[in-house]
Amino acid sequence: MRQLLLWLKRIFTMKNARVIVADAAASTLPDAFANKVYGEAMLTMQPLEHKKAIIAEAFRILKTRRLLRYSRIRLTARQRERRGEKRCF
């Protein structure tokens, strides 16, 4: 985990940025705290209810009219079928 945190801090070198490693559905950050929320390939790996909780948390901690960005792993139809999913969120 420490190596991941150090790697993220090297990537996000902005002076006013902070990398926080926390539960994406319960970050413990205050309401309207962040200008930007970024998640890397995390929603694809979660069941639908947890995806909803993660997105709700992101909107809670975001200031009004700010940036929310989640990248996602693109799964083929066969990969989704193996996982028992009809479609991705």
C-alpha atoms as a PDB file:
ATOM      1  CA  MET A   1       0.000   0.000   0.000  1.00  0.00           C
ATOM      2  CA  ARG A   2       2.820   2.406   0.825  1.00  0.00           C
ATOM      3  CA  GLN A   3       4.393   1.864  -2.607  1.00  0.00           C
ATOM      4  CA  LEU A   4       1.070   2.639  -4.268  1.00  0.00           C
ATOM      5  CA  LEU A   5       0.711   5.842  -2.278  1.00  0.00           C
ATOM      6  CA  LEU A   6       4.236   6.967  -3.196  1.00  0.00           C
ATOM      7  CA  TRP A   7       3.592   6.187  -6.867  1.00  0.00           C
ATOM      8  CA  LEU A   8       0.342   8.190  -6.841  1.00  0.00           C
ATOM      9  CA  LYS A   9       2.052  11.132  -5.188  1.00  0.00           C
ATOM     10  CA  ARG A  10       4.674  11.154  -7.965  1.00  0.00           C
ATOM     11  CA  ILE A  11       1.967  11.157 -10.645  1.00  0.00           C
ATOM     12  CA  PHE A  12      -0.120  13.896  -9.043  1.00  0.00           C
ATOM     13  CA  THR A  13       2.527  16.554  -8.532  1.00  0.00           C
ATOM     14  CA  MET A  14       0.254  19.582  -8.272  1.00  0.00           C
ATOM     15  CA  LYS A  15       1.007  21.708  -5.231  1.00  0.00           C
ATOM     16  CA  ASN A  16      -2.611  21.849  -4.087  1.00  0.00           C
ATOM     17  CA  ALA A  17      -3.396  18.159  -4.630  1.00  0.00           C
ATOM     18  CA  ARG A  18      -3.654  15.518  -1.959  1.00  0.00           C
ATOM     19  CA  VAL A  19      -3.721  11.761  -2.485  1.00  0.00           C
ATOM     20  CA  ILE A  20      -5.896   9.968   0.044  1.00  0.00           C
ATOM     21  CA  VAL A  21      -6.115   6.210   0.336  1.00  0.00           C
ATOM     22  CA  ALA A  22      -9.490   5.343   1.869  1.00  0.00           C
ATOM     23  CA  ASP A  23     -12.654   3.348   1.370  1.00  0.00           C
ATOM     24  CA  ALA A  24     -14.180   4.917  -1.733  1.00  0.00           C
ATOM     25  CA  ALA A  25     -17.692   4.563  -0.316  1.00  0.00           C
ATOM     26  CA  ALA A  26     -16.766   6.133   3.051  1.00  0.00           C
ATOM     27  CA  SER A  27     -13.832   8.500   2.636  1.00  0.00           C
ATOM     28  CA  THR A  28     -14.292  10.329   5.974  1.00  0.00           C
ATOM     29  CA  LEU A  29     -13.731  13.634   4.165  1.00  0.00           C
ATOM     30  CA  PRO A  30     -16.120  16.508   4.956  1.00  0.00           C
ATOM     31  CA  ASP A  31     -18.988  17.523   2.655  1.00  0.00           C
ATOM     32  CA  ALA A  32     -18.045  19.759  -0.299  1.00  0.00           C
ATOM     33  CA  PHE A  33     -14.343  19.232   0.392  1.00  0.00           C
ATOM     34  CA  ALA A  34     -12.834  18.482  -3.035  1.00  0.00           C
ATOM     35  CA  ASN A  35     -12.554  20.266  -6.348  1.00  0.00           C
ATOM     36  CA  LYS A  36     -11.719  17.001  -8.139  1.00  0.00           C
ATOM     37  CA  VAL A  37     -12.313  13.338  -7.388  1.00  0.00           C
ATOM     38  CA  TYR A  38     -10.493  10.752  -9.470  1.00  0.00           C
ATOM     39  CA  GLY A  39     -10.811   6.984  -9.334  1.00  0.00           C
ATOM     40  CA  GLU A  40      -8.828   4.485 -11.366  1.00  0.00           C
ATOM     41  CA  ALA A  41     -10.536   1.317 -12.629  1.00  0.00           C
ATOM     42  CA  MET A  42     -12.489   0.802  -9.437  1.00  0.00           C
ATOM     43  CA  LEU A  43     -16.136   0.774 -10.449  1.00  0.00           C
ATOM     44  CA  THR A  44     -15.814  -2.152 -12.850  1.00  0.00           C
ATOM     45  CA  MET A  45     -14.746  -4.441 -10.030  1.00  0.00           C
ATOM     46  CA  GLN A  46     -17.655  -3.645  -7.703  1.00  0.00           C
ATOM     47  CA  PRO A  47     -21.217  -4.953  -7.451  1.00  0.00           C
ATOM     48  CA  LEU A  48     -23.913  -2.460  -8.469  1.00  0.00           C
ATOM     49  CA  GLU A  49     -24.876  -1.408  -4.930  1.00  0.00           C
ATOM     50  CA  HIS A  50     -21.262  -0.629  -4.017  1.00  0.00           C
ATOM     51  CA  LYS A  51     -20.835   1.337  -7.279  1.00  0.00           C
ATOM     52  CA  LYS A  52     -23.811   3.464  -6.259  1.00  0.00           C
ATOM     53  CA  ALA A  53     -22.317   4.029  -2.791  1.00  0.00           C
ATOM     54  CA  ILE A  54     -18.948   5.049  -4.274  1.00  0.00           C
ATOM     55  CA  ILE A  55     -20.536   7.548  -6.656  1.00  0.00           C
ATOM     56  CA  ALA A  56     -22.769   8.947  -3.897  1.00  0.00           C
ATOM     57  CA  GLU A  57     -19.691   9.474  -1.704  1.00  0.00           C
ATOM     58  CA  ALA A  58     -17.871  11.242  -4.538  1.00  0.00           C
ATOM     59  CA  PHE A  59     -20.776  13.635  -5.055  1.00  0.00           C
ATOM     60  CA  ARG A  60     -20.995  14.252  -1.307  1.00  0.00           C
ATOM     61  CA  ILE A  61     -17.352  15.309  -1.001  1.00  0.00           C
ATOM     62  CA  LEU A  62     -17.291  17.325  -4.242  1.00  0.00           C
ATOM     63  CA  LYS A  63     -17.833  21.060  -4.203  1.00  0.00           C
ATOM     64  CA  THR A  64     -20.643  22.292  -6.456  1.00  0.00           C
ATOM     65  CA  ARG A  65     -19.913  22.089 -10.188  1.00  0.00           C
ATOM     66  CA  ARG A  66     -16.529  20.422  -9.817  1.00  0.00           C
ATOM     67  CA  LEU A  67     -14.876  17.467 -11.578  1.00  0.00           C
ATOM     68  CA  LEU A  68     -15.624  13.786 -11.023  1.00  0.00           C
ATOM     69  CA  ARG A  69     -13.594  11.340 -13.133  1.00  0.00           C
ATOM     70  CA  TYR A  70     -13.540   7.564 -12.964  1.00  0.00           C
ATOM     71  CA  SER A  71     -11.709   5.548 -15.556  1.00  0.00           C
ATOM     72  CA  ARG A  72     -12.859   2.024 -16.111  1.00  0.00           C
ATOM     73  CA  ILE A  73     -11.511  -1.222 -17.362  1.00  0.00           C
ATOM     74  CA  ARG A  74     -13.205  -2.122 -20.600  1.00  0.00           C
ATOM     75  CA  LEU A  75     -14.503  -5.672 -20.461  1.00  0.00           C
ATOM     76  CA  THR A  76     -15.484  -7.656 -23.529  1.00  0.00           C
ATOM     77  CA  ALA A  77     -18.906  -9.308 -23.662  1.00  0.00           C
ATOM     78  CA  ARG A  78     -17.252 -12.669 -22.972  1.00  0.00           C
ATOM     79  CA  GLN A  79     -15.431 -11.313 -19.902  1.00  0.00           C
ATOM     80  CA  ARG A  80     -18.678  -9.806 -18.577  1.00  0.00           C
ATOM     81  CA  GLU A  81     -20.466 -13.098 -19.205  1.00  0.00           C
ATOM     82  CA  ARG A  82     -17.818 -14.988 -17.204  1.00  0.00           C
ATOM     83  CA  ARG A  83     -18.332 -12.550 -14.349  1.00  0.00           C
ATOM     84  CA  GLY A  84     -22.085 -13.056 -14.527  1.00  0.00           C
ATOM     85  CA  GLU A  85     -22.759  -9.485 -15.671  1.00  0.00           C
ATOM     86  CA  LYS A  86     -25.139  -8.534 -18.433  1.00  0.00           C
ATOM     87  CA  ARG A  87     -23.623  -5.074 -18.860  1.00  0.00           C
ATOM     88  CA  CYS A  88     -21.211  -2.702 -17.154  1.00  0.00           C
ATOM     89  CA  PHE A  89     -22.359   0.223 -15.041  1.00  0.00           C
END
